[in-house]
PDB file of N, CA and C in Angstrom:
ATOM      1  N   MET A   1      14.007 -25.938  50.050  1.00  0.00           N
ATOM      2  CA  MET A   1      14.790 -25.533  48.901  1.00  0.00           C
ATOM      3  C   MET A   1      15.842 -26.605  48.634  1.00  0.00           C
ATOM      4  N   THR A   2      15.921 -27.043  47.399  1.00  0.00           N
ATOM      5  CA  THR A   2      16.906 -28.065  47.064  1.00  0.00           C
ATOM      6  C   THR A   2      18.303 -27.450  47.029  1.00  0.00           C
ATOM      7  N   VAL A   3      19.293 -28.321  47.065  1.00  0.00           N
ATOM      8  CA  VAL A   3      20.679 -27.854  47.035  1.00  0.00           C
ATOM      9  C   VAL A   3      20.938 -27.052  45.758  1.00  0.00           C
ATOM     10  N   ASP A   4      20.425 -27.561  44.626  1.00  0.00           N
ATOM     11  CA  ASP A   4      20.630 -26.877  43.360  1.00  0.00           C
ATOM     12  C   ASP A   4      20.030 -25.468  43.388  1.00  0.00           C
ATOM     13  N   MET A   5      18.828 -25.334  43.930  1.00  0.00           N
ATOM     14  CA  MET A   5      18.170 -24.020  44.025  1.00  0.00           C
ATOM     15  C   MET A   5      18.936 -23.105  44.974  1.00  0.00           C
ATOM     16  N   GLU A   6      19.420 -23.669  46.063  1.00  0.00           N
ATOM     17  CA  GLU A   6      20.178 -22.878  47.030  1.00  0.00           C
ATOM     18  C   GLU A   6      21.493 -22.391  46.415  1.00  0.00           C
ATOM     19  N   GLU A   7      22.164 -23.252  45.664  1.00  0.00           N
ATOM     20  CA  GLU A   7      23.404 -22.859  44.989  1.00  0.00           C
ATOM     21  C   GLU A   7      23.143 -21.752  43.969  1.00  0.00           C
ATOM     22  N   LYS A   8      22.039 -21.867  43.230  1.00  0.00           N
ATOM     23  CA  LYS A   8      21.685 -20.839  42.251  1.00  0.00           C
ATOM     24  C   LYS A   8      21.424 -19.502  42.935  1.00  0.00           C
ATOM     25  N   LYS A   9      20.752 -19.550  44.070  1.00  0.00           N
ATOM     26  CA  LYS A   9      20.453 -18.322  44.812  1.00  0.00           C
ATOM     27  C   LYS A   9      21.744 -17.669  45.304  1.00  0.00           C
ATOM     28  N   ILE A  10      22.655 -18.470  45.828  1.00  0.00           N
ATOM     29  CA  ILE A  10      23.940 -17.942  46.316  1.00  0.00           C
ATOM     30  C   ILE A  10      24.724 -17.334  45.155  1.00  0.00           C
ATOM     31  N   LEU A  11      24.738 -18.009  44.021  1.00  0.00           N
ATOM     32  CA  LEU A  11      25.442 -17.504  42.845  1.00  0.00           C
ATOM     33  C   LEU A  11      24.823 -16.192  42.359  1.00  0.00           C
ATOM     34  N   GLU A  12      23.515 -16.129  42.367  1.00  0.00           N
ATOM     35  CA  GLU A  12      22.823 -14.906  41.952  1.00  0.00           C
ATOM     36  C   GLU A  12      23.173 -13.739  42.880  1.00  0.00           C
ATOM     37  N   ILE A  13      23.189 -13.990  44.159  1.00  0.00           N
ATOM     38  CA  ILE A  13      23.539 -12.946  45.132  1.00  0.00           C
ATOM     39  C   ILE A  13      24.981 -12.488  44.918  1.00  0.00           C
ATOM     40  N   ARG A  14      25.880 -13.428  44.692  1.00  0.00           N
ATOM     41  CA  ARG A  14      27.285 -13.072  44.433  1.00  0.00           C
ATOM     42  C   ARG A  14      27.402 -12.172  43.206  1.00  0.00           C
ATOM     43  N   ARG A  15      26.656 -12.516  42.158  1.00  0.00           N
ATOM     44  CA  ARG A  15      26.708 -11.712  40.939  1.00  0.00           C
ATOM     45  C   ARG A  15      26.153 -10.307  41.178  1.00  0.00           C
ATOM     46  N   LEU A  16      25.076 -10.211  41.923  1.00  0.00           N
ATOM     47  CA  LEU A  16      24.499  -8.894  42.204  1.00  0.00           C
ATOM     48  C   LEU A  16      25.418  -8.056  43.086  1.00  0.00           C
ATOM     49  N   VAL A  17      26.085  -8.688  44.029  1.00  0.00           N
ATOM     50  CA  VAL A  17      27.062  -7.974  44.858  1.00  0.00           C
ATOM     51  C   VAL A  17      28.223  -7.502  43.982  1.00  0.00           C
ATOM     52  N   LEU A  18      28.667  -8.344  43.079  1.00  0.00           N
ATOM     53  CA  LEU A  18      29.737  -7.956  42.156  1.00  0.00           C
ATOM     54  C   LEU A  18      29.302  -6.758  41.311  1.00  0.00           C
ATOM     55  N   ALA A  19      28.071  -6.779  40.813  1.00  0.00           N
ATOM     56  CA  ALA A  19      27.564  -5.656  40.014  1.00  0.00           C
ATOM     57  C   ALA A  19      27.581  -4.366  40.825  1.00  0.00           C
ATOM     58  N   LYS A  20      27.183  -4.443  42.077  1.00  0.00           N
ATOM     59  CA  LYS A  20      27.192  -3.255  42.931  1.00  0.00           C
ATOM     60  C   LYS A  20      28.625  -2.758  43.157  1.00  0.00           C
ATOM     61  N   LYS A  21      29.538  -3.681  43.391  1.00  0.00           N
ATOM     62  CA  LYS A  21      30.941  -3.296  43.597  1.00  0.00           C
ATOM     63  C   LYS A  21      31.517  -2.640  42.337  1.00  0.00           C
ATOM     64  N   LEU A  22      31.188  -3.191  41.179  1.00  0.00           N
ATOM     65  CA  LEU A  22      31.655  -2.591  39.929  1.00  0.00           C
ATOM     66  C   LEU A  22      31.080  -1.187  39.754  1.00  0.00           C
ATOM     67  N   TYR A  23      29.803  -1.038  40.058  1.00  0.00           N
ATOM     68  CA  TYR A  23      29.177   0.284  39.957  1.00  0.00           C
ATOM     69  C   TYR A  23      29.874   1.282  40.889  1.00  0.00           C
ATOM     70  N   LEU A  24      30.085   0.896  42.135  1.00  0.00           N
ATOM     71  CA  LEU A  24      30.728   1.792  43.097  1.00  0.00           C
ATOM     72  C   LEU A  24      32.165   2.104  42.683  1.00  0.00           C
ATOM     73  N   HIS A  25      32.866   1.116  42.165  1.00  0.00           N
ATOM     74  CA  HIS A  25      34.222   1.347  41.681  1.00  0.00           C
ATOM     75  C   HIS A  25      34.194   2.315  40.496  1.00  0.00           C
ATOM     76  N   GLY A  26      33.195   2.163  39.637  1.00  0.00           N
ATOM     77  CA  GLY A  26      33.019   3.092  38.525  1.00  0.00           C
ATOM     78  C   GLY A  26      32.761   4.514  39.010  1.00  0.00           C
ATOM     79  N   CYS A  27      31.993   4.642  40.088  1.00  0.00           N
ATOM     80  CA  CYS A  27      31.729   5.976  40.654  1.00  0.00           C
ATOM     81  C   CYS A  27      33.024   6.647  41.104  1.00  0.00           C
ATOM     82  N   SER A  28      33.916   5.876  41.717  1.00  0.00           N
ATOM     83  CA  SER A  28      35.181   6.466  42.157  1.00  0.00           C
ATOM     84  C   SER A  28      36.029   6.876  40.949  1.00  0.00           C
ATOM     85  N   HIS A  29      35.989   6.078  39.884  1.00  0.00           N
ATOM     86  CA  HIS A  29      36.714   6.447  38.666  1.00  0.00           C
ATOM     87  C   HIS A  29      36.083   7.681  38.009  1.00  0.00           C
ATOM     88  N   ALA A  30      34.756   7.760  38.019  1.00  0.00           N
ATOM     89  CA  ALA A  30      34.071   8.880  37.369  1.00  0.00           C
ATOM     90  C   ALA A  30      34.415  10.208  38.037  1.00  0.00           C
ATOM     91  N   SER A  31      34.706  10.164  39.321  1.00  0.00           N
ATOM     92  CA  SER A  31      35.046  11.383  40.053  1.00  0.00           C
ATOM     93  C   SER A  31      36.458  11.864  39.742  1.00  0.00           C
ATOM     94  N   ALA A  32      37.307  10.979  39.266  1.00  0.00           N
ATOM     95  CA  ALA A  32      38.686  11.349  38.911  1.00  0.00           C
ATOM     96  C   ALA A  32      38.659  12.092  37.572  1.00  0.00           C
ATOM     97  N   LYS A  33      39.653  12.897  37.349  1.00  0.00           N
ATOM     98  CA  LYS A  33      39.648  13.707  36.127  1.00  0.00           C
ATOM     99  C   LYS A  33      40.556  13.174  35.023  1.00  0.00           C
ATOM    100  N   ASP A  34      41.303  12.119  35.290  1.00  0.00           N
ATOM    101  CA  ASP A  34      42.203  11.622  34.250  1.00  0.00           C
ATOM    102  C   ASP A  34      41.434  10.779  33.231  1.00  0.00           C
ATOM    103  N   GLU A  35      41.970  10.695  32.040  1.00  0.00           N
ATOM    104  CA  GLU A  35      41.304  10.031  30.920  1.00  0.00           C
ATOM    105  C   GLU A  35      41.060   8.548  31.160  1.00  0.00           C
ATOM    106  N   VAL A  36      42.046   7.865  31.681  1.00  0.00           N
ATOM    107  CA  VAL A  36      41.908   6.423  31.904  1.00  0.00           C
ATOM    108  C   VAL A  36      40.801   6.141  32.922  1.00  0.00           C
ATOM    109  N   SER A  37      40.722   6.933  33.962  1.00  0.00           N
ATOM    110  CA  SER A  37      39.664   6.744  34.964  1.00  0.00           C
ATOM    111  C   SER A  37      38.291   6.939  34.348  1.00  0.00           C
ATOM    112  N   ARG A  38      38.151   7.929  33.493  1.00  0.00           N
ATOM    113  CA  ARG A  38      36.852   8.158  32.844  1.00  0.00           C
ATOM    114  C   ARG A  38      36.485   6.975  31.951  1.00  0.00           C
ATOM    115  N   MET A  39      37.473   6.439  31.252  1.00  0.00           N
ATOM    116  CA  MET A  39      37.210   5.283  30.406  1.00  0.00           C
ATOM    117  C   MET A  39      36.812   4.072  31.256  1.00  0.00           C
ATOM    118  N   LEU A  40      37.525   3.856  32.339  1.00  0.00           N
ATOM    119  CA  LEU A  40      37.223   2.726  33.224  1.00  0.00           C
ATOM    120  C   LEU A  40      35.852   2.874  33.871  1.00  0.00           C
ATOM    121  N   ALA A  41      35.475   4.098  34.214  1.00  0.00           N
ATOM    122  CA  ALA A  41      34.160   4.326  34.826  1.00  0.00           C
ATOM    123  C   ALA A  41      33.054   3.822  33.907  1.00  0.00           C
ATOM    124  N   ILE A  42      33.124   4.191  32.637  1.00  0.00           N
ATOM    125  CA  ILE A  42      32.099   3.773  31.678  1.00  0.00           C
ATOM    126  C   ILE A  42      32.090   2.250  31.544  1.00  0.00           C
ATOM    127  N   HIS A  43      33.260   1.651  31.483  1.00  0.00           N
ATOM    128  CA  HIS A  43      33.354   0.180  31.406  1.00  0.00           C
ATOM    129  C   HIS A  43      32.699  -0.467  32.626  1.00  0.00           C
ATOM    130  N   HIS A  44      32.999   0.055  33.800  1.00  0.00           N
ATOM    131  CA  HIS A  44      32.441  -0.528  35.026  1.00  0.00           C
ATOM    132  C   HIS A  44      30.922  -0.390  35.066  1.00  0.00           C
ATOM    133  N   PHE A  45      30.409   0.783  34.687  1.00  0.00           N
ATOM    134  CA  PHE A  45      28.953   0.973  34.704  1.00  0.00           C
ATOM    135  C   PHE A  45      28.273   0.008  33.730  1.00  0.00           C
ATOM    136  N   ASP A  46      28.818  -0.106  32.545  1.00  0.00           N
ATOM    137  CA  ASP A  46      28.244  -0.999  31.537  1.00  0.00           C
ATOM    138  C   ASP A  46      28.314  -2.459  31.994  1.00  0.00           C
ATOM    139  N   ASN A  47      29.431  -2.849  32.568  1.00  0.00           N
ATOM    140  CA  ASN A  47      29.597  -4.220  33.052  1.00  0.00           C
ATOM    141  C   ASN A  47      28.600  -4.521  34.165  1.00  0.00           C
ATOM    142  N   ALA A  48      28.417  -3.579  35.074  1.00  0.00           N
ATOM    143  CA  ALA A  48      27.462  -3.778  36.169  1.00  0.00           C
ATOM    144  C   ALA A  48      26.048  -3.986  35.623  1.00  0.00           C
ATOM    145  N   ILE A  49      25.672  -3.181  34.650  1.00  0.00           N
ATOM    146  CA  ILE A  49      24.339  -3.319  34.054  1.00  0.00           C
ATOM    147  C   ILE A  49      24.193  -4.676  33.377  1.00  0.00           C
ATOM    148  N   GLU A  50      25.204  -5.091  32.645  1.00  0.00           N
ATOM    149  CA  GLU A  50      25.117  -6.375  31.953  1.00  0.00           C
ATOM    150  C   GLU A  50      24.999  -7.545  32.931  1.00  0.00           C
ATOM    151  N   ILE A  51      25.710  -7.483  34.031  1.00  0.00           N
ATOM    152  CA  ILE A  51      25.606  -8.546  35.043  1.00  0.00           C
ATOM    153  C   ILE A  51      24.186  -8.601  35.605  1.00  0.00           C
ATOM    154  N   VAL A  52      23.616  -7.442  35.903  1.00  0.00           N
ATOM    155  CA  VAL A  52      22.242  -7.408  36.429  1.00  0.00           C
ATOM    156  C   VAL A  52      21.264  -7.930  35.381  1.00  0.00           C
ATOM    157  N   LEU A  53      21.446  -7.526  34.130  1.00  0.00           N
ATOM    158  CA  LEU A  53      20.561  -8.029  33.066  1.00  0.00           C
ATOM    159  C   LEU A  53      20.638  -9.551  32.947  1.00  0.00           C
ATOM    160  N   LYS A  54      21.838 -10.098  33.049  1.00  0.00           N
ATOM    161  CA  LYS A  54      21.979 -11.563  32.980  1.00  0.00           C
ATOM    162  C   LYS A  54      21.292 -12.235  34.158  1.00  0.00           C
ATOM    163  N   CYS A  55      21.374 -11.623  35.337  1.00  0.00           N
ATOM    164  CA  CYS A  55      20.671 -12.175  36.503  1.00  0.00           C
ATOM    165  C   CYS A  55      19.164 -12.144  36.284  1.00  0.00           C
ATOM    166  N   VAL A  56      18.666 -11.040  35.761  1.00  0.00           N
ATOM    167  CA  VAL A  56      17.232 -10.917  35.492  1.00  0.00           C
ATOM    168  C   VAL A  56      16.800 -11.937  34.443  1.00  0.00           C
ATOM    169  N   ALA A  57      17.568 -12.053  33.368  1.00  0.00           N
ATOM    170  CA  ALA A  57      17.220 -12.991  32.301  1.00  0.00           C
ATOM    171  C   ALA A  57      17.206 -14.428  32.802  1.00  0.00           C
ATOM    172  N   THR A  58      18.171 -14.770  33.634  1.00  0.00           N
ATOM    173  CA  THR A  58      18.229 -16.113  34.198  1.00  0.00           C
ATOM    174  C   THR A  58      17.047 -16.355  35.125  1.00  0.00           C
ATOM    175  N   LYS A  59      16.728 -15.358  35.930  1.00  0.00           N
ATOM    176  CA  LYS A  59      15.634 -15.479  36.906  1.00  0.00           C
ATOM    177  C   LYS A  59      14.275 -15.624  36.216  1.00  0.00           C
ATOM    178  N   CYS A  60      14.057 -14.852  35.145  1.00  0.00           N
ATOM    179  CA  CYS A  60      12.739 -14.892  34.497  1.00  0.00           C
ATOM    180  C   CYS A  60      12.637 -15.988  33.439  1.00  0.00           C
ATOM    181  N   GLY A  61      13.708 -16.762  33.283  1.00  0.00           N
ATOM    182  CA  GLY A  61      13.661 -17.895  32.372  1.00  0.00           C
ATOM    183  C   GLY A  61      13.997 -17.554  30.937  1.00  0.00           C
ATOM    184  N   GLY A  62      14.472 -16.333  30.701  1.00  0.00           N
ATOM    185  CA  GLY A  62      14.835 -15.927  29.347  1.00  0.00           C
ATOM    186  C   GLY A  62      16.057 -16.651  28.835  1.00  0.00           C
ATOM    187  N   VAL A  63      16.957 -16.984  29.729  1.00  0.00           N
ATOM    188  CA  VAL A  63      18.133 -17.782  29.381  1.00  0.00           C
ATOM    189  C   VAL A  63      18.244 -18.889  30.408  1.00  0.00           C
ATOM    190  N   SER A  64      18.806 -19.993  29.990  1.00  0.00           N
ATOM    191  CA  SER A  64      18.880 -21.131  30.902  1.00  0.00           C
ATOM    192  C   SER A  64      20.024 -21.000  31.893  1.00  0.00           C
ATOM    193  N   SER A  65      21.017 -20.185  31.581  1.00  0.00           N
ATOM    194  CA  SER A  65      22.158 -20.014  32.458  1.00  0.00           C
ATOM    195  C   SER A  65      22.765 -18.643  32.235  1.00  0.00           C
ATOM    196  N   SER A  66      23.252 -18.014  33.285  1.00  0.00           N
ATOM    197  CA  SER A  66      23.872 -16.707  33.121  1.00  0.00           C
ATOM    198  C   SER A  66      25.214 -16.818  32.407  1.00  0.00           C
ATOM    199  N   ARG A  67      25.672 -18.048  32.167  1.00  0.00           N
ATOM    200  CA  ARG A  67      26.925 -18.244  31.436  1.00  0.00           C
ATOM    201  C   ARG A  67      26.715 -18.216  29.928  1.00  0.00           C
ATOM    202  N   GLN A  68      25.461 -18.243  29.495  1.00  0.00           N
ATOM    203  CA  GLN A  68      25.184 -18.185  28.067  1.00  0.00           C
ATOM    204  C   GLN A  68      25.681 -16.860  27.506  1.00  0.00           C
ATOM    205  N   GLU A  69      26.181 -16.905  26.287  1.00  0.00           N
ATOM    206  CA  GLU A  69      26.676 -15.696  25.639  1.00  0.00           C
ATOM    207  C   GLU A  69      25.530 -15.011  24.900  1.00  0.00           C
ATOM    208  N   TYR A  70      25.253 -13.805  25.272  1.00  0.00           N
ATOM    209  CA  TYR A  70      24.250 -12.988  24.600  1.00  0.00           C
ATOM    210  C   TYR A  70      24.855 -11.634  24.311  1.00  0.00           C
ATOM    211  N   ARG A  71      24.554 -11.084  23.155  1.00  0.00           N
ATOM    212  CA  ARG A  71      24.935  -9.710  22.891  1.00  0.00           C
ATOM    213  C   ARG A  71      24.056  -8.831  23.781  1.00  0.00           C
ATOM    214  N   PHE A  72      24.588  -7.710  24.181  1.00  0.00           N
ATOM    215  CA  PHE A  72      23.928  -6.837  25.157  1.00  0.00           C
ATOM    216  C   PHE A  72      22.474  -6.538  24.773  1.00  0.00           C
ATOM    217  N   LYS A  73      22.272  -6.034  23.577  1.00  0.00           N
ATOM    218  CA  LYS A  73      20.920  -5.632  23.163  1.00  0.00           C
ATOM    219  C   LYS A  73      20.010  -6.842  22.958  1.00  0.00           C
ATOM    220  N   ASP A  74      20.574  -7.965  22.547  1.00  0.00           N
ATOM    221  CA  ASP A  74      19.782  -9.192  22.437  1.00  0.00           C
ATOM    222  C   ASP A  74      19.334  -9.663  23.819  1.00  0.00           C
ATOM    223  N   LEU A  75      20.205  -9.520  24.797  1.00  0.00           N
ATOM    224  CA  LEU A  75      19.873  -9.888  26.174  1.00  0.00           C
ATOM    225  C   LEU A  75      18.703  -9.034  26.656  1.00  0.00           C
ATOM    226  N   TRP A  76      18.793  -7.736  26.414  1.00  0.00           N
ATOM    227  CA  TRP A  76      17.711  -6.818  26.794  1.00  0.00           C
ATOM    228  C   TRP A  76      16.395  -7.268  26.150  1.00  0.00           C
ATOM    229  N   ASN A  77      16.427  -7.514  24.846  1.00  0.00           N
ATOM    230  CA  ASN A  77      15.221  -7.906  24.112  1.00  0.00           C
ATOM    231  C   ASN A  77      14.659  -9.231  24.619  1.00  0.00           C
ATOM    232  N   GLU A  78      15.521 -10.146  24.979  1.00  0.00           N
ATOM    233  CA  GLU A  78      15.080 -11.442  25.515  1.00  0.00           C
ATOM    234  C   GLU A  78      14.299 -11.241  26.817  1.00  0.00           C
ATOM    235  N   ILE A  79      14.780 -10.347  27.661  1.00  0.00           N
ATOM    236  CA  ILE A  79      14.098 -10.064  28.935  1.00  0.00           C
ATOM    237  C   ILE A  79      12.733  -9.433  28.668  1.00  0.00           C
ATOM    238  N   VAL A  80      12.689  -8.469  27.759  1.00  0.00           N
ATOM    239  CA  VAL A  80      11.433  -7.795  27.430  1.00  0.00           C
ATOM    240  C   VAL A  80      10.429  -8.791  26.856  1.00  0.00           C
ATOM    241  N   GLN A  81      10.897  -9.728  26.025  1.00  0.00           N
ATOM    242  CA  GLN A  81      10.014 -10.743  25.451  1.00  0.00           C
ATOM    243  C   GLN A  81       9.425 -11.660  26.522  1.00  0.00           C
ATOM    244  N   GLN A  82      10.103 -11.749  27.653  1.00  0.00           N
ATOM    245  CA  GLN A  82       9.599 -12.566  28.771  1.00  0.00           C
ATOM    246  C   GLN A  82       8.568 -11.799  29.598  1.00  0.00           C
ATOM    247  N   GLY A  83       8.279 -10.555  29.195  1.00  0.00           N
ATOM    248  CA  GLY A  83       7.241  -9.779  29.871  1.00  0.00           C
ATOM    249  C   GLY A  83       7.743  -8.807  30.923  1.00  0.00           C
ATOM    250  N   MET A  84       9.042  -8.667  31.048  1.00  0.00           N
ATOM    251  CA  MET A  84       9.602  -7.730  32.024  1.00  0.00           C
ATOM    252  C   MET A  84       9.626  -6.326  31.422  1.00  0.00           C
ATOM    253  N   ASP A  85       9.292  -5.341  32.238  1.00  0.00           N
ATOM    254  CA  ASP A  85       9.350  -3.941  31.821  1.00  0.00           C
ATOM    255  C   ASP A  85      10.632  -3.339  32.387  1.00  0.00           C
ATOM    256  N   LEU A  86      11.609  -3.099  31.523  1.00  0.00           N
ATOM    257  CA  LEU A  86      12.903  -2.575  31.961  1.00  0.00           C
ATOM    258  C   LEU A  86      12.952  -1.066  31.740  1.00  0.00           C
ATOM    259  N   PRO A  87      13.384  -0.309  32.747  1.00  0.00           N
ATOM    260  CA  PRO A  87      13.436   1.146  32.627  1.00  0.00           C
ATOM    261  C   PRO A  87      14.730   1.628  31.959  1.00  0.00           C
ATOM    262  N   LEU A  88      14.735   2.883  31.553  1.00  0.00           N
ATOM    263  CA  LEU A  88      15.929   3.602  31.091  1.00  0.00           C
ATOM    264  C   LEU A  88      16.598   2.997  29.858  1.00  0.00           C
ATOM    265  N   LYS A  89      15.795   2.434  28.969  1.00  0.00           N
ATOM    266  CA  LYS A  89      16.357   1.764  27.792  1.00  0.00           C
ATOM    267  C   LYS A  89      17.276   2.693  26.996  1.00  0.00           C
ATOM    268  N   ASP A  90      16.813   3.891  26.668  1.00  0.00           N
ATOM    269  CA  ASP A  90      17.614   4.796  25.843  1.00  0.00           C
ATOM    270  C   ASP A  90      18.929   5.151  26.520  1.00  0.00           C
ATOM    271  N   GLN A  91      18.880   5.431  27.815  1.00  0.00           N
ATOM    272  CA  GLN A  91      20.091   5.794  28.546  1.00  0.00           C
ATOM    273  C   GLN A  91      21.061   4.616  28.645  1.00  0.00           C
ATOM    274  N   ILE A  92      20.528   3.435  28.898  1.00  0.00           N
ATOM    275  CA  ILE A  92      21.385   2.253  29.040  1.00  0.00           C
ATOM    276  C   ILE A  92      22.008   1.878  27.696  1.00  0.00           C
ATOM    277  N   PHE A  93      21.231   1.948  26.624  1.00  0.00           N
ATOM    278  CA  PHE A  93      21.794   1.651  25.305  1.00  0.00           C
ATOM    279  C   PHE A  93      22.835   2.701  24.913  1.00  0.00           C
ATOM    280  N   SER A  94      22.589   3.961  25.264  1.00  0.00           N
ATOM    281  CA  SER A  94      23.585   5.015  24.986  1.00  0.00           C
ATOM    282  C   SER A  94      24.875   4.742  25.742  1.00  0.00           C
ATOM    283  N   LEU A  95      24.742   4.313  26.997  1.00  0.00           N
ATOM    284  CA  LEU A  95      25.919   3.971  27.786  1.00  0.00           C
ATOM    285  C   LEU A  95      26.680   2.818  27.133  1.00  0.00           C
ATOM    286  N   HIS A  96      25.957   1.811  26.696  1.00  0.00           N
ATOM    287  CA  HIS A  96      26.610   0.664  26.068  1.00  0.00           C
ATOM    288  C   HIS A  96      27.298   1.068  24.759  1.00  0.00           C
ATOM    289  N   ASP A  97      26.644   1.911  23.988  1.00  0.00           N
ATOM    290  CA  ASP A  97      27.266   2.404  22.751  1.00  0.00           C
ATOM    291  C   ASP A  97      28.520   3.211  23.059  1.00  0.00           C
ATOM    292  N   LEU A  98      28.473   4.016  24.114  1.00  0.00           N
ATOM    293  CA  LEU A  98      29.652   4.777  24.536  1.00  0.00           C
ATOM    294  C   LEU A  98      30.770   3.831  24.958  1.00  0.00           C
ATOM    295  N   ARG A  99      30.416   2.785  25.693  1.00  0.00           N
ATOM    296  CA  ARG A  99      31.413   1.791  26.095  1.00  0.00           C
ATOM    297  C   ARG A  99      32.079   1.166  24.874  1.00  0.00           C
ATOM    298  N   ASN A 100      31.275   0.885  23.846  1.00  0.00           N
ATOM    299  CA  ASN A 100      31.834   0.310  22.621  1.00  0.00           C
ATOM    300  C   ASN A 100      32.782   1.281  21.929  1.00  0.00           C
ATOM    301  N   LEU A 101      32.441   2.557  21.923  1.00  0.00           N
ATOM    302  CA  LEU A 101      33.339   3.556  21.334  1.00  0.00           C
ATOM    303  C   LEU A 101      34.660   3.627  22.096  1.00  0.00           C
ATOM    304  N   ILE A 102      34.573   3.536  23.403  1.00  0.00           N
ATOM    305  CA  ILE A 102      35.778   3.551  24.232  1.00  0.00           C
ATOM    306  C   ILE A 102      36.603   2.298  23.965  1.00  0.00           C
ATOM    307  N   GLN A 103      35.931   1.158  23.960  1.00  0.00           N
ATOM    308  CA  GLN A 103      36.608  -0.127  23.799  1.00  0.00           C
ATOM    309  C   GLN A 103      37.234  -0.292  22.416  1.00  0.00           C
ATOM    310  N   HIS A 104      36.488   0.061  21.384  1.00  0.00           N
ATOM    311  CA  HIS A 104      36.913  -0.285  20.030  1.00  0.00           C
ATOM    312  C   HIS A 104      37.516   0.883  19.248  1.00  0.00           C
ATOM    313  N   GLN A 105      37.215   2.121  19.658  1.00  0.00           N
ATOM    314  CA  GLN A 105      37.739   3.284  18.941  1.00  0.00           C
ATOM    315  C   GLN A 105      38.762   4.064  19.763  1.00  0.00           C
ATOM    316  N   GLY A 106      38.806   3.786  21.066  1.00  0.00           N
ATOM    317  CA  GLY A 106      39.715   4.532  21.930  1.00  0.00           C
ATOM    318  C   GLY A 106      39.208   5.922  22.264  1.00  0.00           C
ATOM    319  N   ASP A 107      37.900   6.159  22.066  1.00  0.00           N
ATOM    320  CA  ASP A 107      37.331   7.463  22.412  1.00  0.00           C
ATOM    321  C   ASP A 107      37.431   7.683  23.919  1.00  0.00           C
ATOM    322  N   ILE A 108      37.610   8.933  24.306  1.00  0.00           N
ATOM    323  CA  ILE A 108      37.724   9.277  25.715  1.00  0.00           C
ATOM    324  C   ILE A 108      36.525  10.141  26.092  1.00  0.00           C
ATOM    325  N   PRO A 109      35.707   9.678  27.035  1.00  0.00           N
ATOM    326  CA  PRO A 109      34.537  10.470  27.417  1.00  0.00           C
ATOM    327  C   PRO A 109      34.950  11.711  28.198  1.00  0.00           C
ATOM    328  N   SER A 110      34.150  12.747  28.091  1.00  0.00           N
ATOM    329  CA  SER A 110      34.426  13.954  28.867  1.00  0.00           C
ATOM    330  C   SER A 110      34.206  13.656  30.348  1.00  0.00           C
ATOM    331  N   TRP A 111      34.799  14.489  31.179  1.00  0.00           N
ATOM    332  CA  TRP A 111      34.637  14.310  32.619  1.00  0.00           C
ATOM    333  C   TRP A 111      33.174  14.467  33.005  1.00  0.00           C
ATOM    334  N   LYS A 112      32.494  15.453  32.427  1.00  0.00           N
ATOM    335  CA  LYS A 112      31.077  15.689  32.719  1.00  0.00           C
ATOM    336  C   LYS A 112      30.227  14.484  32.306  1.00  0.00           C
ATOM    337  N   LEU A 113      30.517  13.919  31.145  1.00  0.00           N
ATOM    338  CA  LEU A 113      29.763  12.762  30.680  1.00  0.00           C
ATOM    339  C   LEU A 113      29.957  11.562  31.602  1.00  0.00           C
ATOM    340  N   SER A 114      31.174  11.323  32.040  1.00  0.00           N
ATOM    341  CA  SER A 114      31.393  10.175  32.929  1.00  0.00           C
ATOM    342  C   SER A 114      30.716  10.381  34.273  1.00  0.00           C
ATOM    343  N   LEU A 115      30.645  11.629  34.750  1.00  0.00           N
ATOM    344  CA  LEU A 115      29.918  11.896  36.004  1.00  0.00           C
ATOM    345  C   LEU A 115      28.425  11.733  35.821  1.00  0.00           C
ATOM    346  N   ASN A 116      27.888  12.232  34.716  1.00  0.00           N
ATOM    347  CA  ASN A 116      26.455  12.120  34.460  1.00  0.00           C
ATOM    348  C   ASN A 116      26.022  10.683  34.236  1.00  0.00           C
ATOM    349  N   THR A 117      26.891   9.861  33.695  1.00  0.00           N
ATOM    350  CA  THR A 117      26.573   8.468  33.412  1.00  0.00           C
ATOM    351  C   THR A 117      26.367   7.674  34.687  1.00  0.00           C
ATOM    352  N   ARG A 118      27.070   8.018  35.741  1.00  0.00           N
ATOM    353  CA  ARG A 118      26.961   7.229  36.981  1.00  0.00           C
ATOM    354  C   ARG A 118      25.616   7.360  37.661  1.00  0.00           C
ATOM    355  N   VAL A 119      24.843   8.386  37.343  1.00  0.00           N
ATOM    356  CA  VAL A 119      23.570   8.568  38.017  1.00  0.00           C
ATOM    357  C   VAL A 119      22.390   8.030  37.222  1.00  0.00           C
ATOM    358  N   MET A 120      22.658   7.330  36.128  1.00  0.00           N
ATOM    359  CA  MET A 120      21.573   6.773  35.319  1.00  0.00           C
ATOM    360  C   MET A 120      20.722   5.842  36.130  1.00  0.00           C
TER     361      MET A 120
END
């Protein structure tokens, strides 16, 4: 394995570990009942998914670098065009749309919704 390939592998592992940490942190927020925690939970879940999608896209050659800027749904479509079968599309897109409502409209998800979102 060349140095460049080894560095890419280490970077990919770091990103996947970060995604897992964000997901777990989101789970702890989802269990809390305050509004800010529920909002943060959705943000963390969405961020974790996006990091994993970027890793997948980079790995399958859909993007040349995980630093490339892609809109969430465009990133998903790029991966699918590369022949990957991604599960839970409707649920993941709903989560992303909810994240956008939280981010841009200040909507506050219900406690039940934030708990249900973590098990997607």
